[in-house]
């Protein structure tokens, strides 16, 4: 089964679809968002992803009045959410910029009005964040768009994943293995879930959304057959904000994409043969000919 997003095809045997997760790492600044788009494009990724919220709806009630220390002073958590949220004109600006740089762009909507907001902007796909996997109203609204859907499965039981997949359907669906620990320790990566998901949903592209600090786990996911790799990107891991510490800086993201492309070339087709490069060593070293 192949899933088409923009000009890219997601399936086994196709180039790994690499997503630079910008999320809120722009810290509410359009110029930061554009610089992060440049990071993804310069590295050779195919997409960037943002997050879209209607803060009054998506912010849990018990968190709305919680004080938050920010670069703009102390404010409530709800005020902070509004402070870092892009509105329509800003999304048009960064979306056009991503398109100009040759990238697909889309977002994770955290509430149903945000789906309508993104539909109005003509996004090519939707990403469902792990935190939203149990929001059946949101999932149904996304499914109704008919757009491709990328589903992250962190902080979830297999039963919750099954319910979400049943609601979304498998046509146009990509499922990402994820563990929602920030940053992710290796012992919680559980990469063997990738073949488990491949067996459970044959034909559905399976990928990996990582929150580790290095590259090794994401590269191992590709070797296990991940067709999508999503990683948070930042301009500087020391920047203020909750996701920067579990993100890759520009050089690290560039190295990730480079190494993914090497692994793709190295995987081969599993058919044993004598390669052209082996002929000279064979002639020189093999004493007994078959």
C-alpha atoms as a PDB file:
ATOM      1  CA  UNK A   1       0.000   0.000   0.000  1.00  0.00           C
ATOM      2  CA  UNK A   2       1.373   3.408  -0.957  1.00  0.00           C
ATOM      3  CA  UNK A   3       0.486   6.753   0.597  1.00  0.00           C
ATOM      4  CA  UNK A   4       0.947   9.886  -1.468  1.00  0.00           C
ATOM      5  CA  UNK A   5       1.717  13.177   0.299  1.00  0.00           C
ATOM      6  CA  UNK A   6       2.408  16.069  -2.029  1.00  0.00           C
ATOM      7  CA  UNK A   7       4.871  14.807  -4.631  1.00  0.00           C
ATOM      8  CA  UNK A   8       6.217  12.103  -2.317  1.00  0.00           C
ATOM      9  CA  UNK A   9       5.288   8.437  -2.070  1.00  0.00           C
ATOM     10  CA  UNK A  10       5.507   6.655   1.272  1.00  0.00           C
ATOM     11  CA  UNK A  11       5.941   2.898   1.008  1.00  0.00           C
ATOM     12  CA  UNK A  12       8.499   0.150   1.407  1.00  0.00           C
ATOM     13  CA  UNK A  13      11.140   0.561  -1.283  1.00  0.00           C
ATOM     14  CA  UNK A  14      10.582   4.318  -1.562  1.00  0.00           C
ATOM     15  CA  UNK A  15      12.930   6.914  -0.055  1.00  0.00           C
ATOM     16  CA  UNK A  16      12.318   7.345   3.664  1.00  0.00           C
ATOM     17  CA  UNK A  17       9.999  10.320   4.167  1.00  0.00           C
ATOM     18  CA  UNK A  18      11.854  12.569   6.603  1.00  0.00           C
ATOM     19  CA  UNK A  19       9.820  15.114   8.565  1.00  0.00           C
ATOM     20  CA  UNK A  20      11.402  18.011  10.423  1.00  0.00           C
ATOM     21  CA  UNK A  21       9.070  18.530  13.370  1.00  0.00           C
ATOM     22  CA  UNK A  22       9.140  22.268  14.075  1.00  0.00           C
ATOM     23  CA  UNK A  23       6.191  22.071  16.457  1.00  0.00           C
ATOM     24  CA  UNK A  24       6.439  25.065  18.773  1.00  0.00           C
ATOM     25  CA  UNK A  25      10.224  25.360  18.512  1.00  0.00           C
ATOM     26  CA  UNK A  26       9.706  28.611  16.598  1.00  0.00           C
ATOM     27  CA  UNK A  27       8.696  30.128  19.980  1.00  0.00           C
ATOM     28  CA  UNK A  28       5.998  32.171  18.286  1.00  0.00           C
ATOM     29  CA  UNK A  29       8.405  33.878  15.869  1.00  0.00           C
ATOM     30  CA  UNK A  30       7.790  33.625  12.104  1.00  0.00           C
ATOM     31  CA  UNK A  31      11.440  34.291  11.306  1.00  0.00           C
ATOM     32  CA  UNK A  32      12.482  31.416  13.558  1.00  0.00           C
ATOM     33  CA  UNK A  33       9.971  29.217  11.715  1.00  0.00           C
ATOM     34  CA  UNK A  34      11.468  30.192   8.369  1.00  0.00           C
ATOM     35  CA  UNK A  35      14.992  29.459   9.610  1.00  0.00           C
ATOM     36  CA  UNK A  36      13.825  26.011  10.743  1.00  0.00           C
ATOM     37  CA  UNK A  37      12.211  25.421   7.346  1.00  0.00           C
ATOM     38  CA  UNK A  38      15.592  26.234   5.841  1.00  0.00           C
ATOM     39  CA  UNK A  39      17.230  23.708   8.178  1.00  0.00           C
ATOM     40  CA  UNK A  40      14.881  20.960   6.960  1.00  0.00           C
ATOM     41  CA  UNK A  41      15.200  21.872   3.286  1.00  0.00           C
ATOM     42  CA  UNK A  42      18.980  22.228   3.396  1.00  0.00           C
ATOM     43  CA  UNK A  43      19.280  18.823   5.083  1.00  0.00           C
ATOM     44  CA  UNK A  44      17.240  17.112   2.342  1.00  0.00           C
ATOM     45  CA  UNK A  45      14.063  16.354   4.307  1.00  0.00           C
ATOM     46  CA  UNK A  46      10.752  16.134   2.483  1.00  0.00           C
ATOM     47  CA  UNK A  47       8.436  17.824   4.989  1.00  0.00           C
ATOM     48  CA  UNK A  48       8.061  20.099   7.978  1.00  0.00           C
ATOM     49  CA  UNK A  49       5.349  19.866  10.572  1.00  0.00           C
ATOM     50  CA  UNK A  50       3.817  22.357  12.976  1.00  0.00           C
ATOM     51  CA  UNK A  51       1.229  22.178  15.756  1.00  0.00           C
ATOM     52  CA  UNK A  52      -2.109  24.025  15.650  1.00  0.00           C
ATOM     53  CA  UNK A  53      -4.245  24.655  18.689  1.00  0.00           C
ATOM     54  CA  UNK A  54      -7.298  26.604  19.685  1.00  0.00           C
ATOM     55  CA  UNK A  55      -5.907  27.270  23.163  1.00  0.00           C
ATOM     56  CA  UNK A  56      -9.246  27.759  24.929  1.00  0.00           C
ATOM     57  CA  UNK A  57     -10.306  24.282  23.763  1.00  0.00           C
ATOM     58  CA  UNK A  58      -7.092  22.294  23.683  1.00  0.00           C
ATOM     59  CA  UNK A  59      -5.612  23.453  26.995  1.00  0.00           C
ATOM     60  CA  UNK A  60      -6.714  21.189  29.874  1.00  0.00           C
ATOM     61  CA  UNK A  61      -8.825  23.099  32.402  1.00  0.00           C
ATOM     62  CA  UNK A  62      -6.502  22.293  35.296  1.00  0.00           C
ATOM     63  CA  UNK A  63      -3.579  23.824  33.377  1.00  0.00           C
ATOM     64  CA  UNK A  64      -5.121  27.087  32.141  1.00  0.00           C
ATOM     65  CA  UNK A  65      -4.303  29.233  35.195  1.00  0.00           C
ATOM     66  CA  UNK A  66      -1.036  27.505  36.082  1.00  0.00           C
ATOM     67  CA  UNK A  67       1.757  30.125  36.189  1.00  0.00           C
ATOM     68  CA  UNK A  68       4.416  29.744  33.501  1.00  0.00           C
ATOM     69  CA  UNK A  69       7.797  31.454  33.443  1.00  0.00           C
ATOM     70  CA  UNK A  70       8.495  32.580  29.883  1.00  0.00           C
ATOM     71  CA  UNK A  71      10.919  34.883  28.064  1.00  0.00           C
ATOM     72  CA  UNK A  72       8.039  37.381  28.019  1.00  0.00           C
ATOM     73  CA  UNK A  73       7.544  37.267  31.778  1.00  0.00           C
ATOM     74  CA  UNK A  74       5.319  35.234  34.089  1.00  0.00           C
ATOM     75  CA  UNK A  75       1.944  34.429  32.568  1.00  0.00           C
ATOM     76  CA  UNK A  76      -0.740  31.769  32.827  1.00  0.00           C
ATOM     77  CA  UNK A  77      -0.283  28.599  30.808  1.00  0.00           C
ATOM     78  CA  UNK A  78      -3.260  29.631  28.655  1.00  0.00           C
ATOM     79  CA  UNK A  79      -1.697  33.029  27.933  1.00  0.00           C
ATOM     80  CA  UNK A  80       1.550  31.298  27.011  1.00  0.00           C
ATOM     81  CA  UNK A  81      -0.317  29.037  24.579  1.00  0.00           C
ATOM     82  CA  UNK A  82      -1.787  32.077  22.848  1.00  0.00           C
ATOM     83  CA  UNK A  83       1.610  33.799  22.814  1.00  0.00           C
ATOM     84  CA  UNK A  84       3.275  31.026  20.759  1.00  0.00           C
ATOM     85  CA  UNK A  85       0.320  30.240  18.478  1.00  0.00           C
ATOM     86  CA  UNK A  86       0.405  31.287  14.819  1.00  0.00           C
ATOM     87  CA  UNK A  87      -2.738  32.645  13.211  1.00  0.00           C
ATOM     88  CA  UNK A  88      -3.910  32.515   9.588  1.00  0.00           C
ATOM     89  CA  UNK A  89      -1.681  35.186   8.050  1.00  0.00           C
ATOM     90  CA  UNK A  90       1.386  33.765   9.749  1.00  0.00           C
ATOM     91  CA  UNK A  91       0.573  30.229   8.608  1.00  0.00           C
ATOM     92  CA  UNK A  92       0.085  31.453   5.045  1.00  0.00           C
ATOM     93  CA  UNK A  93       3.502  33.100   5.205  1.00  0.00           C
ATOM     94  CA  UNK A  94       5.356  30.075   6.589  1.00  0.00           C
ATOM     95  CA  UNK A  95       3.365  27.615   4.459  1.00  0.00           C
ATOM     96  CA  UNK A  96       4.224  29.512   1.296  1.00  0.00           C
ATOM     97  CA  UNK A  97       7.842  29.643   2.390  1.00  0.00           C
ATOM     98  CA  UNK A  98       7.944  25.869   2.979  1.00  0.00           C
ATOM     99  CA  UNK A  99       6.414  25.271  -0.441  1.00  0.00           C
ATOM    100  CA  UNK A 100       8.952  27.596  -2.027  1.00  0.00           C
ATOM    101  CA  UNK A 101      11.717  25.546  -0.391  1.00  0.00           C
ATOM    102  CA  UNK A 102      10.265  22.380  -1.935  1.00  0.00           C
ATOM    103  CA  UNK A 103       8.817  20.913   1.253  1.00  0.00           C
ATOM    104  CA  UNK A 104       5.441  19.455   2.141  1.00  0.00           C
ATOM    105  CA  UNK A 105       4.036  21.183   5.202  1.00  0.00           C
ATOM    106  CA  UNK A 106       1.248  20.225   7.539  1.00  0.00           C
ATOM    107  CA  UNK A 107       0.412  20.282  11.231  1.00  0.00           C
ATOM    108  CA  UNK A 108      -0.955  18.331  14.152  1.00  0.00           C
ATOM    109  CA  UNK A 109      -4.359  19.822  15.008  1.00  0.00           C
ATOM    110  CA  UNK A 110      -5.134  19.503  18.711  1.00  0.00           C
ATOM    111  CA  UNK A 111      -8.856  20.245  18.460  1.00  0.00           C
ATOM    112  CA  UNK A 112     -11.619  20.127  15.864  1.00  0.00           C
ATOM    113  CA  UNK A 113     -11.702  23.883  15.011  1.00  0.00           C
ATOM    114  CA  UNK A 114      -7.987  23.579  14.212  1.00  0.00           C
ATOM    115  CA  UNK A 115      -8.835  20.963  11.576  1.00  0.00           C
ATOM    116  CA  UNK A 116     -11.178  23.471   9.929  1.00  0.00           C
ATOM    117  CA  UNK A 117      -8.441  26.117  10.177  1.00  0.00           C
ATOM    118  CA  UNK A 118      -5.914  23.852   8.428  1.00  0.00           C
ATOM    119  CA  UNK A 119      -8.427  22.703   5.804  1.00  0.00           C
ATOM    120  CA  UNK A 120      -8.949  26.346   4.871  1.00  0.00           C
ATOM    121  CA  UNK A 121      -5.197  26.584   4.274  1.00  0.00           C
ATOM    122  CA  UNK A 122      -5.179  23.479   2.065  1.00  0.00           C
ATOM    123  CA  UNK A 123      -2.698  21.306   3.970  1.00  0.00           C
ATOM    124  CA  UNK A 124      -1.653  18.144   2.110  1.00  0.00           C
ATOM    125  CA  UNK A 125      -1.930  15.805   5.120  1.00  0.00           C
ATOM    126  CA  UNK A 126      -2.613  15.612   8.836  1.00  0.00           C
ATOM    127  CA  UNK A 127      -0.497  14.369  11.703  1.00  0.00           C
ATOM    128  CA  UNK A 128      -2.208  13.061  14.830  1.00  0.00           C
ATOM    129  CA  UNK A 129      -0.077  13.628  17.907  1.00  0.00           C
ATOM    130  CA  UNK A 130       0.284  10.789  20.386  1.00  0.00           C
ATOM    131  CA  UNK A 131      -1.568  12.841  23.003  1.00  0.00           C
ATOM    132  CA  UNK A 132      -4.617  13.032  20.700  1.00  0.00           C
ATOM    133  CA  UNK A 133      -4.936   9.349  19.806  1.00  0.00           C
ATOM    134  CA  UNK A 134      -7.892   8.886  22.188  1.00  0.00           C
ATOM    135  CA  UNK A 135      -9.768  12.011  20.983  1.00  0.00           C
ATOM    136  CA  UNK A 136     -12.294  10.204  18.807  1.00  0.00           C
ATOM    137  CA  UNK A 137     -14.104  13.397  17.822  1.00  0.00           C
ATOM    138  CA  UNK A 138     -10.864  14.885  16.517  1.00  0.00           C
ATOM    139  CA  UNK A 139      -9.944  11.673  14.705  1.00  0.00           C
ATOM    140  CA  UNK A 140     -13.356  11.489  13.049  1.00  0.00           C
ATOM    141  CA  UNK A 141     -13.075  15.123  11.907  1.00  0.00           C
ATOM    142  CA  UNK A 142      -9.634  14.460  10.425  1.00  0.00           C
ATOM    143  CA  UNK A 143     -10.813  11.258   8.732  1.00  0.00           C
ATOM    144  CA  UNK A 144     -13.688  13.188   7.146  1.00  0.00           C
ATOM    145  CA  UNK A 145     -11.221  15.393   5.237  1.00  0.00           C
ATOM    146  CA  UNK A 146     -10.089  12.425   3.142  1.00  0.00           C
ATOM    147  CA  UNK A 147      -6.475  13.604   3.430  1.00  0.00           C
ATOM    148  CA  UNK A 148      -3.546  11.278   4.229  1.00  0.00           C
ATOM    149  CA  UNK A 149      -3.091  10.800   7.971  1.00  0.00           C
ATOM    150  CA  UNK A 150       0.089  10.120   9.947  1.00  0.00           C
ATOM    151  CA  UNK A 151      -0.729   8.602  13.343  1.00  0.00           C
ATOM    152  CA  UNK A 152       1.758   8.659  16.218  1.00  0.00           C
ATOM    153  CA  UNK A 153       1.292   5.949  18.835  1.00  0.00           C
ATOM    154  CA  UNK A 154       3.241   7.165  21.884  1.00  0.00           C
ATOM    155  CA  UNK A 155       1.802   7.046  25.414  1.00  0.00           C
ATOM    156  CA  UNK A 156      -0.818   4.563  24.149  1.00  0.00           C
ATOM    157  CA  UNK A 157      -1.862   0.958  24.634  1.00  0.00           C
ATOM    158  CA  UNK A 158      -2.253  -1.375  21.683  1.00  0.00           C
ATOM    159  CA  UNK A 159      -6.013  -1.295  22.280  1.00  0.00           C
ATOM    160  CA  UNK A 160      -6.033   2.498  21.932  1.00  0.00           C
ATOM    161  CA  UNK A 161      -4.022   2.246  18.721  1.00  0.00           C
ATOM    162  CA  UNK A 162      -6.462  -0.354  17.369  1.00  0.00           C
ATOM    163  CA  UNK A 163      -9.435   1.881  18.144  1.00  0.00           C
ATOM    164  CA  UNK A 164      -7.811   4.824  16.379  1.00  0.00           C
ATOM    165  CA  UNK A 165      -6.907   2.778  13.291  1.00  0.00           C
ATOM    166  CA  UNK A 166     -10.419   1.351  13.116  1.00  0.00           C
ATOM    167  CA  UNK A 167     -11.838   4.883  13.183  1.00  0.00           C
ATOM    168  CA  UNK A 168      -9.388   6.309  10.642  1.00  0.00           C
ATOM    169  CA  UNK A 169      -9.327   3.350   8.268  1.00  0.00           C
ATOM    170  CA  UNK A 170      -6.128   2.150   6.639  1.00  0.00           C
ATOM    171  CA  UNK A 171      -6.474   3.905   3.272  1.00  0.00           C
ATOM    172  CA  UNK A 172      -4.027   6.809   3.241  1.00  0.00           C
ATOM    173  CA  UNK A 173      -2.807   5.943   6.741  1.00  0.00           C
ATOM    174  CA  UNK A 174       0.772   5.933   8.021  1.00  0.00           C
ATOM    175  CA  UNK A 175       1.423   4.638  11.549  1.00  0.00           C
ATOM    176  CA  UNK A 176       4.444   5.822  13.501  1.00  0.00           C
ATOM    177  CA  UNK A 177       5.954   3.947  16.401  1.00  0.00           C
ATOM    178  CA  UNK A 178       6.798   6.432  19.156  1.00  0.00           C
ATOM    179  CA  UNK A 179       7.587   6.640  22.846  1.00  0.00           C
ATOM    180  CA  UNK A 180       6.581   9.968  24.351  1.00  0.00           C
ATOM    181  CA  UNK A 181       9.444  10.408  26.800  1.00  0.00           C
ATOM    182  CA  UNK A 182      11.353  13.675  26.328  1.00  0.00           C
ATOM    183  CA  UNK A 183      14.243  13.122  25.861  1.00  0.00           C
ATOM    184  CA  UNK A 184      13.943   9.399  25.121  1.00  0.00           C
ATOM    185  CA  UNK A 185      16.301   6.974  26.914  1.00  0.00           C
ATOM    186  CA  UNK A 186      17.361   3.982  24.750  1.00  0.00           C
ATOM    187  CA  UNK A 187      15.737   1.456  27.086  1.00  0.00           C
ATOM    188  CA  UNK A 188      12.320   2.969  26.352  1.00  0.00           C
ATOM    189  CA  UNK A 189      12.714   3.091  22.555  1.00  0.00           C
ATOM    190  CA  UNK A 190      11.235  -0.411  22.033  1.00  0.00           C
ATOM    191  CA  UNK A 191      12.144  -0.456  18.340  1.00  0.00           C
ATOM    192  CA  UNK A 192      10.890  -4.019  17.919  1.00  0.00           C
ATOM    193  CA  UNK A 193       7.440  -2.433  17.832  1.00  0.00           C
ATOM    194  CA  UNK A 194       8.207  -1.481  14.217  1.00  0.00           C
ATOM    195  CA  UNK A 195       8.058  -5.089  12.933  1.00  0.00           C
ATOM    196  CA  UNK A 196       5.157  -5.727  15.324  1.00  0.00           C
ATOM    197  CA  UNK A 197       3.174  -2.920  13.669  1.00  0.00           C
ATOM    198  CA  UNK A 198       4.232  -4.118  10.208  1.00  0.00           C
ATOM    199  CA  UNK A 199       2.784  -7.548  11.005  1.00  0.00           C
ATOM    200  CA  UNK A 200      -0.385  -6.133  12.574  1.00  0.00           C
ATOM    201  CA  UNK A 201      -1.106  -3.731   9.687  1.00  0.00           C
ATOM    202  CA  UNK A 202       0.260  -5.370   6.532  1.00  0.00           C
ATOM    203  CA  UNK A 203       0.555  -2.911   3.696  1.00  0.00           C
ATOM    204  CA  UNK A 204       0.262   0.151   5.945  1.00  0.00           C
ATOM    205  CA  UNK A 205       3.498   2.170   5.924  1.00  0.00           C
ATOM    206  CA  UNK A 206       5.106   2.078   9.371  1.00  0.00           C
ATOM    207  CA  UNK A 207       7.496   4.756  10.520  1.00  0.00           C
ATOM    208  CA  UNK A 208       9.188   6.178  13.588  1.00  0.00           C
ATOM    209  CA  UNK A 209       8.803   9.425  15.525  1.00  0.00           C
ATOM    210  CA  UNK A 210      11.813   9.910  17.781  1.00  0.00           C
ATOM    211  CA  UNK A 211      12.506  12.036  20.829  1.00  0.00           C
ATOM    212  CA  UNK A 212      16.014  10.828  21.608  1.00  0.00           C
ATOM    213  CA  UNK A 213      18.987  13.185  21.655  1.00  0.00           C
ATOM    214  CA  UNK A 214      21.227  11.344  19.154  1.00  0.00           C
ATOM    215  CA  UNK A 215      20.908   9.667  15.778  1.00  0.00           C
ATOM    216  CA  UNK A 216      21.483   5.969  16.460  1.00  0.00           C
ATOM    217  CA  UNK A 217      17.920   4.976  17.395  1.00  0.00           C
ATOM    218  CA  UNK A 218      16.378   6.715  14.382  1.00  0.00           C
ATOM    219  CA  UNK A 219      18.906   5.072  12.069  1.00  0.00           C
ATOM    220  CA  UNK A 220      18.176   1.667  13.601  1.00  0.00           C
ATOM    221  CA  UNK A 221      14.477   2.305  12.940  1.00  0.00           C
ATOM    222  CA  UNK A 222      15.275   2.760   9.242  1.00  0.00           C
ATOM    223  CA  UNK A 223      17.226  -0.503   9.218  1.00  0.00           C
ATOM    224  CA  UNK A 224      14.133  -2.176  10.723  1.00  0.00           C
ATOM    225  CA  UNK A 225      12.007  -0.895   7.842  1.00  0.00           C
ATOM    226  CA  UNK A 226      10.672   2.489   8.952  1.00  0.00           C
ATOM    227  CA  UNK A 227       9.314   4.309   5.894  1.00  0.00           C
ATOM    228  CA  UNK A 228       8.967   7.638   7.729  1.00  0.00           C
ATOM    229  CA  UNK A 229      11.265   9.286  10.270  1.00  0.00           C
ATOM    230  CA  UNK A 230      10.099  12.333  12.184  1.00  0.00           C
ATOM    231  CA  UNK A 231      12.441  14.275  14.459  1.00  0.00           C
ATOM    232  CA  UNK A 232      12.073  17.589  16.267  1.00  0.00           C
ATOM    233  CA  UNK A 233      14.458  20.247  14.993  1.00  0.00           C
ATOM    234  CA  UNK A 234      15.726  23.364  16.730  1.00  0.00           C
ATOM    235  CA  UNK A 235      18.073  26.229  16.023  1.00  0.00           C
ATOM    236  CA  UNK A 236      19.735  25.666  19.400  1.00  0.00           C
ATOM    237  CA  UNK A 237      18.993  22.995  22.009  1.00  0.00           C
ATOM    238  CA  UNK A 238      19.656  25.583  24.729  1.00  0.00           C
ATOM    239  CA  UNK A 239      16.742  27.762  23.595  1.00  0.00           C
ATOM    240  CA  UNK A 240      13.813  28.285  25.948  1.00  0.00           C
ATOM    241  CA  UNK A 241      10.911  25.883  25.414  1.00  0.00           C
ATOM    242  CA  UNK A 242       9.803  22.381  26.304  1.00  0.00           C
ATOM    243  CA  UNK A 243      10.874  20.501  23.144  1.00  0.00           C
ATOM    244  CA  UNK A 244      14.291  22.003  22.358  1.00  0.00           C
ATOM    245  CA  UNK A 245      16.287  19.601  24.554  1.00  0.00           C
ATOM    246  CA  UNK A 246      14.885  16.569  22.687  1.00  0.00           C
ATOM    247  CA  UNK A 247      15.466  18.141  19.266  1.00  0.00           C
ATOM    248  CA  UNK A 248      18.245  17.986  16.694  1.00  0.00           C
ATOM    249  CA  UNK A 249      20.248  21.064  15.841  1.00  0.00           C
ATOM    250  CA  UNK A 250      20.905  21.845  12.148  1.00  0.00           C
ATOM    251  CA  UNK A 251      24.143  19.869  11.828  1.00  0.00           C
ATOM    252  CA  UNK A 252      22.662  16.855  13.600  1.00  0.00           C
ATOM    253  CA  UNK A 253      19.552  16.845  11.401  1.00  0.00           C
ATOM    254  CA  UNK A 254      21.698  17.137   8.288  1.00  0.00           C
ATOM    255  CA  UNK A 255      23.738  14.137   9.443  1.00  0.00           C
ATOM    256  CA  UNK A 256      20.560  12.179  10.143  1.00  0.00           C
ATOM    257  CA  UNK A 257      19.202  12.660   6.624  1.00  0.00           C
ATOM    258  CA  UNK A 258      22.624  11.892   5.125  1.00  0.00           C
ATOM    259  CA  UNK A 259      22.915   8.641   7.084  1.00  0.00           C
ATOM    260  CA  UNK A 260      19.337   7.598   6.295  1.00  0.00           C
ATOM    261  CA  UNK A 261      20.137   7.873   2.581  1.00  0.00           C
ATOM    262  CA  UNK A 262      23.271   5.729   3.062  1.00  0.00           C
ATOM    263  CA  UNK A 263      21.247   3.043   4.857  1.00  0.00           C
ATOM    264  CA  UNK A 264      18.644   3.078   2.071  1.00  0.00           C
ATOM    265  CA  UNK A 265      21.331   2.330  -0.492  1.00  0.00           C
ATOM    266  CA  UNK A 266      22.891  -0.323   1.721  1.00  0.00           C
ATOM    267  CA  UNK A 267      19.722  -2.351   2.407  1.00  0.00           C
ATOM    268  CA  UNK A 268      19.641  -4.022  -1.012  1.00  0.00           C
ATOM    269  CA  UNK A 269      17.044  -6.577  -2.064  1.00  0.00           C
ATOM    270  CA  UNK A 270      18.068  -9.649  -0.066  1.00  0.00           C
ATOM    271  CA  UNK A 271      19.045 -11.630  -3.157  1.00  0.00           C
ATOM    272  CA  UNK A 272      22.519 -13.191  -2.867  1.00  0.00           C
ATOM    273  CA  UNK A 273      24.787 -12.387  -5.791  1.00  0.00           C
ATOM    274  CA  UNK A 274      28.420 -11.705  -6.595  1.00  0.00           C
ATOM    275  CA  UNK A 275      28.784  -7.947  -6.993  1.00  0.00           C
ATOM    276  CA  UNK A 276      31.098  -6.375  -9.574  1.00  0.00           C
ATOM    277  CA  UNK A 277      33.351  -5.069  -6.831  1.00  0.00           C
ATOM    278  CA  UNK A 278      33.947  -8.636  -5.627  1.00  0.00           C
ATOM    279  CA  UNK A 279      35.288  -9.970  -8.940  1.00  0.00           C
ATOM    280  CA  UNK A 280      38.851  -8.722  -8.550  1.00  0.00           C
ATOM    281  CA  UNK A 281      39.205 -10.027  -4.949  1.00  0.00           C
ATOM    282  CA  UNK A 282      37.626 -13.304  -6.070  1.00  0.00           C
ATOM    283  CA  UNK A 283      40.180 -13.734  -8.868  1.00  0.00           C
ATOM    284  CA  UNK A 284      43.031 -12.845  -6.546  1.00  0.00           C
ATOM    285  CA  UNK A 285      42.075 -14.736  -3.389  1.00  0.00           C
ATOM    286  CA  UNK A 286      39.954 -17.785  -4.255  1.00  0.00           C
ATOM    287  CA  UNK A 287      42.142 -20.854  -4.674  1.00  0.00           C
ATOM    288  CA  UNK A 288      39.460 -23.492  -5.346  1.00  0.00           C
ATOM    289  CA  UNK A 289      36.980 -22.651  -8.078  1.00  0.00           C
ATOM    290  CA  UNK A 290      33.472 -24.052  -7.866  1.00  0.00           C
END
